[in-house]
Amino acid sequence: MNNAPTGAPVYWSPGMTLDSMEREVIIAAYGFYRGVKTTTAASLGISVRTLYSKLERYEQEQKNKEN
């Protein structure tokens, strides 16, 4: 387990998918580390490239919801 400071809690609810839970965790960590991708990725144990990819996907999904 990593010793990163805790930020906003992430909640699980019935019917929530693993993908949506992952999204909530990534977005919470990204906000906690104030958009610093290298620190966010390191705290989550993923590569910066993976973080960029996921954030781009989330942004595109949000744009699609707005249209």
Protein backbone atom coordinates (compact mmCIF):
# COMPACT_ATOMS: atom_id res chain seq x y z
CA MET A 1 0.00 0.00 0.00
CA ASN A 2 1.29 3.45 -0.76
CA ASN A 3 1.67 6.11 1.89
CA ALA A 4 0.28 9.03 -0.11
CA PRO A 5 -1.75 11.50 1.93
CA THR A 6 -5.46 11.00 1.77
CA GLY A 7 -7.63 13.41 -0.18
CA ALA A 8 -11.34 13.44 -0.79
CA PRO A 9 -12.95 10.08 -0.08
CA VAL A 10 -14.08 8.00 -3.03
CA TYR A 11 -17.33 6.18 -2.53
CA TRP A 12 -18.61 2.93 -3.93
CA SER A 13 -22.29 2.26 -4.44
CA PRO A 14 -24.22 -0.77 -5.70
CA GLY A 15 -24.23 -0.92 -9.47
CA MET A 16 -21.01 1.07 -9.78
CA THR A 17 -18.66 -0.54 -12.29
CA LEU A 18 -14.96 -1.09 -11.77
CA ASP A 19 -14.31 1.37 -14.63
CA SER A 20 -16.36 4.09 -12.94
CA MET A 21 -14.62 3.43 -9.62
CA GLU A 22 -11.22 3.67 -11.31
CA ARG A 23 -12.30 6.95 -12.91
CA GLU A 24 -13.34 8.39 -9.54
CA VAL A 25 -10.02 7.39 -7.94
CA ILE A 26 -7.95 8.83 -10.79
CA ILE A 27 -9.88 12.10 -10.85
CA ALA A 28 -9.68 12.43 -7.05
CA ALA A 29 -5.91 11.83 -7.08
CA TYR A 30 -5.44 14.21 -10.00
CA GLY A 31 -7.29 16.93 -8.10
CA PHE A 32 -5.45 16.18 -4.86
CA TYR A 33 -2.09 16.58 -6.59
CA ARG A 34 -3.38 19.74 -8.31
CA GLY A 35 -2.98 18.43 -11.83
CA VAL A 36 0.63 17.30 -11.48
CA LYS A 37 0.55 14.24 -13.70
CA THR A 38 3.89 12.72 -12.69
CA THR A 39 3.01 12.81 -9.00
CA THR A 40 -0.53 11.58 -9.63
CA ALA A 41 0.67 8.66 -11.75
CA ALA A 42 3.35 7.71 -9.23
CA SER A 43 0.86 7.78 -6.35
CA LEU A 44 -1.47 5.47 -8.29
CA GLY A 45 1.27 3.10 -9.42
CA ILE A 46 0.63 3.74 -13.12
CA SER A 47 2.74 5.28 -15.86
CA VAL A 48 2.33 8.92 -16.86
CA ARG A 49 1.41 7.68 -20.33
CA THR A 50 -1.43 5.58 -18.89
CA LEU A 51 -2.64 8.55 -16.85
CA TYR A 52 -2.62 10.82 -19.93
CA SER A 53 -4.55 8.20 -21.88
CA LYS A 54 -7.20 7.78 -19.20
CA LEU A 55 -7.60 11.53 -18.66
CA GLU A 56 -8.01 12.07 -22.41
CA ARG A 57 -10.65 9.33 -22.52
CA TYR A 58 -12.53 10.87 -19.57
CA GLU A 59 -12.42 14.29 -21.22
CA GLN A 60 -13.76 12.88 -24.50
CA GLU A 61 -16.53 11.01 -22.67
CA GLN A 62 -17.51 14.24 -20.91
CA LYS A 63 -17.62 16.15 -24.21
CA ASN A 64 -19.80 13.41 -25.73
CA LYS A 65 -22.23 13.66 -22.78
CA GLU A 66 -22.51 17.43 -23.25
CA ASN A 67 -23.46 17.09 -26.92
